[in-house]
Protein backbone atom coordinates (compact mmCIF):
# COMPACT_ATOMS: atom_id res chain seq x y z
CA UNK A 1 52.22 -87.37 -21.71
CA UNK A 2 50.90 -89.17 -18.65
CA UNK A 3 47.72 -87.04 -18.77
CA UNK A 4 47.14 -87.99 -22.44
CA UNK A 5 47.52 -91.70 -21.61
CA UNK A 6 45.06 -91.37 -18.72
CA UNK A 7 42.51 -89.67 -20.96
CA UNK A 8 42.96 -92.35 -23.63
CA UNK A 9 42.49 -95.16 -21.09
CA UNK A 10 39.37 -93.48 -19.67
CA UNK A 11 37.92 -93.04 -23.17
CA UNK A 12 38.54 -96.72 -23.96
CA UNK A 13 36.83 -97.79 -20.72
CA UNK A 14 33.79 -95.63 -21.49
CA UNK A 15 33.64 -97.00 -25.03
CA UNK A 16 33.94 -100.59 -23.77
CA UNK A 17 31.13 -100.02 -21.27
CA UNK A 18 28.90 -98.48 -23.93
CA UNK A 19 29.55 -101.36 -26.34
CA UNK A 20 28.71 -103.90 -23.64
CA UNK A 21 25.50 -102.03 -22.77
CA UNK A 22 24.37 -101.98 -26.39
CA UNK A 23 25.08 -105.66 -26.87
CA UNK A 24 23.09 -106.94 -23.89
CA UNK A 25 20.65 -105.01 -21.71
CA UNK A 26 20.00 -107.80 -19.18
CA UNK A 27 20.10 -111.58 -19.04
CA UNK A 28 17.39 -112.08 -21.70
CA UNK A 29 17.17 -108.74 -23.52
CA UNK A 30 19.40 -107.60 -26.41
CA UNK A 31 19.43 -104.82 -29.00
CA UNK A 32 19.03 -105.78 -32.68
CA UNK A 33 19.43 -104.38 -36.18
CA UNK A 34 15.87 -103.02 -36.56
CA UNK A 35 16.48 -100.75 -33.58
CA UNK A 36 14.32 -102.89 -31.35
CA UNK A 37 14.81 -105.15 -28.39
CA UNK A 38 15.08 -108.91 -28.68
CA UNK A 39 14.43 -111.59 -26.12
CA UNK A 40 14.89 -115.33 -26.01
CA UNK A 41 11.81 -117.42 -26.79
CA UNK A 42 12.69 -121.10 -26.48
CA UNK A 43 14.79 -122.08 -29.52
CA UNK A 44 14.08 -118.67 -31.10
CA UNK A 45 14.41 -114.97 -30.41
CA UNK A 46 11.77 -112.27 -30.92
CA UNK A 47 12.57 -108.64 -31.76
CA UNK A 48 10.07 -105.92 -30.83
CA UNK A 49 10.08 -102.42 -32.31
CA UNK A 50 7.48 -100.24 -30.52
CA UNK A 51 6.59 -96.83 -31.95
CA UNK A 52 3.48 -94.94 -30.79
CA UNK A 53 0.46 -97.18 -31.52
CA UNK A 54 2.35 -99.80 -33.56
CA UNK A 55 4.47 -102.77 -32.58
CA UNK A 56 6.45 -104.64 -35.20
CA UNK A 57 7.85 -108.06 -34.33
CA UNK A 58 10.43 -110.25 -36.03
CA UNK A 59 10.85 -113.94 -35.26
CA UNK A 60 14.56 -114.80 -35.29
CA UNK A 61 16.39 -118.11 -35.46
CA UNK A 62 19.04 -119.24 -32.96
CA UNK A 63 21.63 -117.08 -34.81
CA UNK A 64 19.31 -114.03 -34.59
CA UNK A 65 18.51 -114.04 -38.33
CA UNK A 66 14.98 -113.14 -39.46
CA UNK A 67 12.69 -116.05 -40.30
CA UNK A 68 10.12 -115.82 -43.10
CA UNK A 69 6.64 -115.10 -41.77
CA UNK A 70 5.08 -117.50 -44.26
CA UNK A 71 2.71 -119.99 -42.53
CA UNK A 72 3.39 -118.46 -39.10
CA UNK A 73 0.46 -117.14 -37.07
CA UNK A 74 0.27 -115.50 -33.71
CA UNK A 75 -1.20 -112.96 -31.36
CA UNK A 76 -0.19 -110.31 -28.89
CA UNK A 77 -1.58 -110.11 -25.35
CA UNK A 78 -1.24 -106.50 -24.18
CA UNK A 79 -1.51 -105.40 -20.55
CA UNK A 80 -2.25 -101.73 -19.87
CA UNK A 81 -1.34 -99.40 -17.00
CA UNK A 82 -4.96 -99.48 -15.73
CA UNK A 83 -4.68 -103.32 -15.35
CA UNK A 84 -6.95 -104.01 -18.35
CA UNK A 85 -5.76 -106.15 -21.23
CA UNK A 86 -6.55 -107.11 -24.81
CA UNK A 87 -5.42 -109.65 -27.37
CA UNK A 88 -4.65 -108.68 -30.97
CA UNK A 89 -3.92 -111.03 -33.89
CA UNK A 90 -0.60 -110.49 -35.67
CA UNK A 91 -0.68 -109.25 -39.27
CA UNK A 92 2.17 -110.40 -41.49
CA UNK A 93 4.05 -107.53 -43.15
CA UNK A 94 6.78 -107.87 -45.73
CA UNK A 95 8.59 -111.20 -45.79
CA UNK A 96 9.54 -111.45 -42.13
CA UNK A 97 7.61 -108.98 -39.99
CA UNK A 98 4.44 -109.03 -37.93
CA UNK A 99 2.46 -105.94 -37.01
CA UNK A 100 -0.02 -105.03 -34.28
CA UNK A 101 -1.73 -101.63 -34.23
CA UNK A 102 -3.57 -100.57 -31.09
CA UNK A 103 -4.49 -96.94 -30.31
CA UNK A 104 -3.82 -97.51 -26.59
CA UNK A 105 -0.43 -99.21 -27.05
CA UNK A 106 1.46 -96.26 -25.57
CA UNK A 107 -0.23 -96.93 -22.21
CA UNK A 108 0.75 -100.59 -22.17
CA UNK A 109 3.07 -101.92 -19.48
CA UNK A 110 3.90 -105.30 -21.01
CA UNK A 111 3.01 -107.59 -23.86
CA UNK A 112 3.26 -111.31 -24.47
CA UNK A 113 3.71 -112.40 -28.06
CA UNK A 114 2.84 -115.94 -29.11
CA UNK A 115 3.63 -117.60 -32.44
CA UNK A 116 2.65 -120.94 -33.96
CA UNK A 117 5.70 -122.21 -35.86
CA UNK A 118 5.40 -125.63 -37.50
CA UNK A 119 2.71 -126.58 -34.97
CA UNK A 120 4.88 -125.52 -32.03
CA UNK A 121 4.04 -122.60 -29.69
CA UNK A 122 6.73 -119.97 -29.17
CA UNK A 123 6.22 -117.03 -26.80
CA UNK A 124 7.96 -114.38 -24.73
CA UNK A 125 6.94 -111.40 -22.62
CA UNK A 126 8.35 -107.91 -23.01
CA UNK A 127 8.18 -105.79 -19.86
CA UNK A 128 8.73 -102.18 -20.75
CA UNK A 129 10.54 -101.33 -17.53
CA UNK A 130 13.60 -103.16 -18.95
CA UNK A 131 13.14 -102.03 -22.55
CA UNK A 132 15.35 -99.10 -23.57
CA UNK A 133 12.89 -98.03 -26.29
CA UNK A 134 9.86 -97.25 -24.15
CA UNK A 135 8.40 -94.30 -26.02
CA UNK A 136 6.29 -91.61 -24.43
CA UNK A 137 3.20 -90.15 -26.03
CA UNK A 138 3.79 -86.60 -27.24
CA UNK A 139 2.56 -84.12 -24.66
CA UNK A 140 2.33 -80.98 -26.79
CA UNK A 141 5.76 -79.39 -26.37
CA UNK A 142 9.47 -80.08 -26.70
CA UNK A 143 12.04 -80.20 -23.93
CA UNK A 144 14.96 -78.73 -25.89
CA UNK A 145 18.50 -78.56 -24.57
CA UNK A 146 17.69 -76.34 -21.59
CA UNK A 147 14.57 -78.12 -20.37
CA UNK A 148 10.96 -77.29 -21.20
CA UNK A 149 10.23 -74.98 -24.13
CA UNK A 150 6.69 -74.06 -25.06
């Protein structure tokens, strides 16, 4: 019986640690409902979902609810691993999203997103070293359960 209690306590501690990790990655970075990472940006939050050559962003209010993208403009400053950079305008998608497509996005090391909301500038920088969703470009084979498979 004592062994069962010990296992149950250990399982609860692991679950509690996992829940805490998923709620907050570091002081300014959180996970959100779109599967992305959100960071504080002044009175707002910004969620980033990065997949291959596309980044989708959502501007969130203080309660982390999506804000309509109507009349909001912005751009994304992207820094690459070779120390070059570029700036892309945001394209509104749907009612609350913003999209940037860049064929070299997978080599980027950070990006700074800036919005104009009611005449006010809002921005934040995502550094991929702290982002749990840093995706790697496909390199022609899968790793499988036992390591490399070709």
